[in-house]
C-alpha atoms as a PDB file:
ATOM      1  CA  MET A   1     -82.414  12.519-116.564  1.00  0.00           C
ATOM      2  CA  ILE A   2     -81.508  14.834-114.212  1.00  0.00           C
ATOM      3  CA  GLY A   3     -83.950  16.331-111.798  1.00  0.00           C
ATOM      4  CA  ILE A   4     -84.784  20.114-111.331  1.00  0.00           C
ATOM      5  CA  LEU A   5     -85.909  21.729-108.155  1.00  0.00           C
ATOM      6  CA  LEU A   6     -86.560  25.285-108.131  1.00  0.00           C
ATOM      7  CA  VAL A   7     -86.575  26.915-104.907  1.00  0.00           C
ATOM      8  CA  THR A   8     -87.670  30.329-104.690  1.00  0.00           C
ATOM      9  CA  HIS A   9     -89.470  33.339-103.066  1.00  0.00           C
ATOM     10  CA  GLY A  10     -93.083  32.915-103.186  1.00  0.00           C
ATOM     11  CA  ASP A  11     -94.688  31.461-106.411  1.00  0.00           C
ATOM     12  CA  ILE A  12     -91.947  32.542-108.504  1.00  0.00           C
ATOM     13  CA  GLY A  13     -90.702  28.960-108.969  1.00  0.00           C
ATOM     14  CA  ALA A  14     -94.032  27.335-109.961  1.00  0.00           C
ATOM     15  CA  ALA A  15     -95.081  30.454-112.500  1.00  0.00           C
ATOM     16  CA  MET A  16     -91.634  29.730-114.193  1.00  0.00           C
ATOM     17  CA  LEU A  17     -92.490  26.314-114.501  1.00  0.00           C
ATOM     18  CA  SER A  18     -96.137  26.593-115.650  1.00  0.00           C
ATOM     19  CA  SER A  19     -94.679  29.111-118.346  1.00  0.00           C
ATOM     20  CA  ALA A  20     -91.812  26.539-119.504  1.00  0.00           C
ATOM     21  CA  SER A  21     -94.705  23.788-119.821  1.00  0.00           C
ATOM     22  CA  GLN A  22     -96.687  26.165-121.760  1.00  0.00           C
ATOM     23  CA  ILE A  23     -93.828  26.818-124.218  1.00  0.00           C
ATOM     24  CA  LEU A  24     -92.710  23.374-124.376  1.00  0.00           C
ATOM     25  CA  GLY A  25     -96.038  22.247-125.171  1.00  0.00           C
ATOM     26  CA  GLY A  26     -96.864  19.911-122.129  1.00  0.00           C
ATOM     27  CA  ALA A  27     -96.294  18.919-118.563  1.00  0.00           C
ATOM     28  CA  VAL A  28     -92.198  18.540-117.702  1.00  0.00           C
ATOM     29  CA  LYS A  29     -90.959  15.486-115.846  1.00  0.00           C
ATOM     30  CA  GLN A  30     -88.815  15.310-112.487  1.00  0.00           C
ATOM     31  CA  VAL A  31     -89.159  18.749-112.174  1.00  0.00           C
ATOM     32  CA  ALA A  32     -90.666  20.291-108.391  1.00  0.00           C
ATOM     33  CA  THR A  33     -90.564  23.655-106.806  1.00  0.00           C
ATOM     34  CA  LEU A  34     -90.196  24.897-103.422  1.00  0.00           C
ATOM     35  CA  SER A  35     -92.046  28.196-102.435  1.00  0.00           C
ATOM     36  CA  VAL A  36     -90.266  30.209 -99.733  1.00  0.00           C
ATOM     37  CA  TRP A  37     -92.556  32.490 -97.619  1.00  0.00           C
ATOM     38  CA  ARG A  38     -91.535  34.846 -95.031  1.00  0.00           C
ATOM     39  CA  GLN A  39     -92.765  33.145 -92.095  1.00  0.00           C
ATOM     40  CA  ASP A  40     -91.261  29.889 -93.201  1.00  0.00           C
ATOM     41  CA  ASP A  41     -88.789  28.099 -90.980  1.00  0.00           C
ATOM     42  CA  PRO A  42     -85.314  27.603 -92.778  1.00  0.00           C
ATOM     43  CA  ASP A  43     -84.606  24.253 -91.249  1.00  0.00           C
ATOM     44  CA  ASP A  44     -88.120  22.947 -92.153  1.00  0.00           C
ATOM     45  CA  LEU A  45     -87.457  24.250 -95.864  1.00  0.00           C
ATOM     46  CA  VAL A  46     -84.347  22.216 -95.745  1.00  0.00           C
ATOM     47  CA  LEU A  47     -86.163  19.067 -94.663  1.00  0.00           C
ATOM     48  CA  ARG A  48     -88.576  19.659 -97.146  1.00  0.00           C
ATOM     49  CA  ALA A  49     -86.338  20.471-100.079  1.00  0.00           C
ATOM     50  CA  ARG A  50     -84.520  16.872 -99.146  1.00  0.00           C
ATOM     51  CA  GLU A  51     -87.717  15.049 -99.304  1.00  0.00           C
ATOM     52  CA  LEU A  52     -88.292  16.720-103.074  1.00  0.00           C
ATOM     53  CA  LEU A  53     -84.301  15.681-103.979  1.00  0.00           C
ATOM     54  CA  GLU A  54     -85.100  11.948-103.303  1.00  0.00           C
ATOM     55  CA  GLU A  55     -88.489  12.167-105.257  1.00  0.00           C
ATOM     56  CA  LEU A  56     -86.398  13.789-108.197  1.00  0.00           C
ATOM     57  CA  GLU A  57     -83.337  11.810-107.778  1.00  0.00           C
ATOM     58  CA  ALA A  58     -82.928   9.048-110.888  1.00  0.00           C
ATOM     59  CA  GLY A  59     -79.369   8.470-110.654  1.00  0.00           C
ATOM     60  CA  ASP A  60     -78.127  11.123-112.690  1.00  0.00           C
ATOM     61  CA  GLY A  61     -78.259  13.874-110.092  1.00  0.00           C
ATOM     62  CA  VAL A  62     -80.402  16.931-109.399  1.00  0.00           C
ATOM     63  CA  LEU A  63     -80.039  20.791-110.408  1.00  0.00           C
ATOM     64  CA  VAL A  64     -81.545  23.066-107.856  1.00  0.00           C
ATOM     65  CA  LEU A  65     -82.150  26.474-109.049  1.00  0.00           C
ATOM     66  CA  THR A  66     -82.893  29.523-107.150  1.00  0.00           C
ATOM     67  CA  ASP A  67     -83.556  33.234-107.398  1.00  0.00           C
ATOM     68  CA  ILE A  68     -81.457  35.312-105.175  1.00  0.00           C
ATOM     69  CA  PHE A  69     -77.856  34.369-103.953  1.00  0.00           C
ATOM     70  CA  GLY A  70     -77.809  35.139-100.160  1.00  0.00           C
ATOM     71  CA  ALA A  71     -81.484  35.428 -99.538  1.00  0.00           C
ATOM     72  CA  THR A  72     -83.690  32.282 -97.789  1.00  0.00           C
ATOM     73  CA  PRO A  73     -84.114  30.013-101.017  1.00  0.00           C
ATOM     74  CA  GLY A  74     -80.267  30.560-101.715  1.00  0.00           C
ATOM     75  CA  ASN A  75     -79.361  29.843 -98.455  1.00  0.00           C
ATOM     76  CA  VAL A  76     -81.645  26.866 -98.036  1.00  0.00           C
ATOM     77  CA  VAL A  77     -79.886  25.442-101.491  1.00  0.00           C
ATOM     78  CA  SER A  78     -76.860  26.045-100.313  1.00  0.00           C
ATOM     79  CA  ARG A  79     -77.242  23.715 -97.428  1.00  0.00           C
ATOM     80  CA  LEU A  80     -78.277  20.793 -99.958  1.00  0.00           C
ATOM     81  CA  LEU A  81     -75.497  21.007-102.236  1.00  0.00           C
ATOM     82  CA  ASP A  82     -73.185  17.964-103.116  1.00  0.00           C
ATOM     83  CA  ASP A  83     -70.801  18.098-105.698  1.00  0.00           C
ATOM     84  CA  ASN A  84     -71.523  16.100-108.703  1.00  0.00           C
ATOM     85  CA  HIS A  85     -74.694  14.858-107.336  1.00  0.00           C
ATOM     86  CA  ILE A  86     -76.828  17.754-106.194  1.00  0.00           C
ATOM     87  CA  GLU A  87     -75.658  21.151-107.712  1.00  0.00           C
ATOM     88  CA  GLY A  88     -76.997  24.737-107.527  1.00  0.00           C
ATOM     89  CA  VAL A  89     -77.275  27.844-109.727  1.00  0.00           C
ATOM     90  CA  SER A  90     -78.766  31.405-108.496  1.00  0.00           C
ATOM     91  CA  GLY A  91     -80.276  33.706-110.821  1.00  0.00           C
ATOM     92  CA  VAL A  92     -83.096  31.436-112.083  1.00  0.00           C
ATOM     93  CA  SER A  93     -84.875  32.941-114.932  1.00  0.00           C
ATOM     94  CA  LEU A  94     -87.171  31.296-117.869  1.00  0.00           C
ATOM     95  CA  PRO A  95     -84.457  31.053-120.449  1.00  0.00           C
ATOM     96  CA  MET A  96     -82.422  29.593-118.001  1.00  0.00           C
ATOM     97  CA  LEU A  97     -84.835  26.993-116.852  1.00  0.00           C
ATOM     98  CA  LEU A  98     -85.739  26.354-120.723  1.00  0.00           C
ATOM     99  CA  ARG A  99     -82.139  25.876-121.769  1.00  0.00           C
ATOM    100  CA  VAL A 100     -81.913  23.301-118.790  1.00  0.00           C
ATOM    101  CA  LEU A 101     -85.020  21.589-119.314  1.00  0.00           C
ATOM    102  CA  THR A 102     -84.521  20.871-123.274  1.00  0.00           C
ATOM    103  CA  SER A 103     -81.295  19.069-122.632  1.00  0.00           C
ATOM    104  CA  ARG A 104     -81.206  17.068-119.470  1.00  0.00           C
ATOM    105  CA  ASN A 105     -79.810  13.740-120.498  1.00  0.00           C
ATOM    106  CA  GLY A 106     -76.434  14.569-120.076  1.00  0.00           C
ATOM    107  CA  SER A 107     -74.080  15.048-117.329  1.00  0.00           C
ATOM    108  CA  LEU A 108     -75.068  17.365-114.378  1.00  0.00           C
ATOM    109  CA  SER A 109     -71.681  19.225-114.579  1.00  0.00           C
ATOM    110  CA  ALA A 110     -73.212  19.949-118.164  1.00  0.00           C
ATOM    111  CA  ALA A 111     -76.438  20.968-117.173  1.00  0.00           C
ATOM    112  CA  VAL A 112     -74.587  23.758-114.675  1.00  0.00           C
ATOM    113  CA  LYS A 113     -72.989  24.959-117.663  1.00  0.00           C
ATOM    114  CA  ARG A 114     -76.402  25.265-119.421  1.00  0.00           C
ATOM    115  CA  ALA A 115     -78.149  26.627-116.758  1.00  0.00           C
ATOM    116  CA  VAL A 116     -75.531  29.376-116.358  1.00  0.00           C
ATOM    117  CA  SER A 117     -75.260  30.130-120.315  1.00  0.00           C
ATOM    118  CA  GLY A 118     -79.147  30.123-120.695  1.00  0.00           C
ATOM    119  CA  GLY A 119     -79.246  32.887-117.856  1.00  0.00           C
ATOM    120  CA  SER A 120     -76.414  34.761-119.061  1.00  0.00           C
ATOM    121  CA  GLU A 121     -77.256  34.602-122.645  1.00  0.00           C
ATOM    122  CA  GLY A 122     -81.055  35.286-121.875  1.00  0.00           C
ATOM    123  CA  VAL A 123     -79.926  38.555-120.821  1.00  0.00           C
ATOM    124  CA  VAL A 124     -79.922  41.198-123.878  1.00  0.00           C
ATOM    125  CA  HIS A 125     -80.422  45.169-123.942  1.00  0.00           C
ATOM    126  CA  MET A 126     -82.957  45.238-126.872  1.00  0.00           C
ATOM    127  CA  ASN A 127     -82.256  48.737-127.902  1.00  0.00           C
ATOM    128  CA  SER A 128     -78.445  47.989-128.692  1.00  0.00           C
ATOM    129  CA  ASP A 129     -78.658  44.096-129.447  1.00  0.00           C
ATOM    130  CA  ARG A 130     -81.811  44.026-131.652  1.00  0.00           C
ATOM    131  CA  CYS A 131     -81.232  43.355-135.439  1.00  0.00           C
ATOM    132  CA  LEU A 132     -81.517  46.640-137.171  1.00  0.00           C
ATOM    133  CA  ASP A 133     -82.735  44.923-140.617  1.00  0.00           C
ATOM    134  CA  ALA A 134     -86.142  43.446-139.501  1.00  0.00           C
END
């Protein structure tokens, strides 16, 4: 099973994981969060993230989701990446997280594609995209 690590500003990742667990009906396995705060040292964050990656890796790789590309959490993630072993996707959202959590038994590259599609398909302009027959 592919491990999932959320690296986000503050408690965003923990809140998303809690919401996903509620939606899915229980705790999810092989998932961890790393909260990033203004006062954190980026080098310390990388060390903590590497420890979490070791716990999450079960042979199928780890997908690391972060909130903002180019911000501290995203910069931490960029220092962890290892093609085909540790992959990163920014712009994490609840639809993205749910898409990944519900299908983690395939390849890591397929999980990356599911994350990206879950994120992009989760963005809907409700005024124009809603079903008018309802």
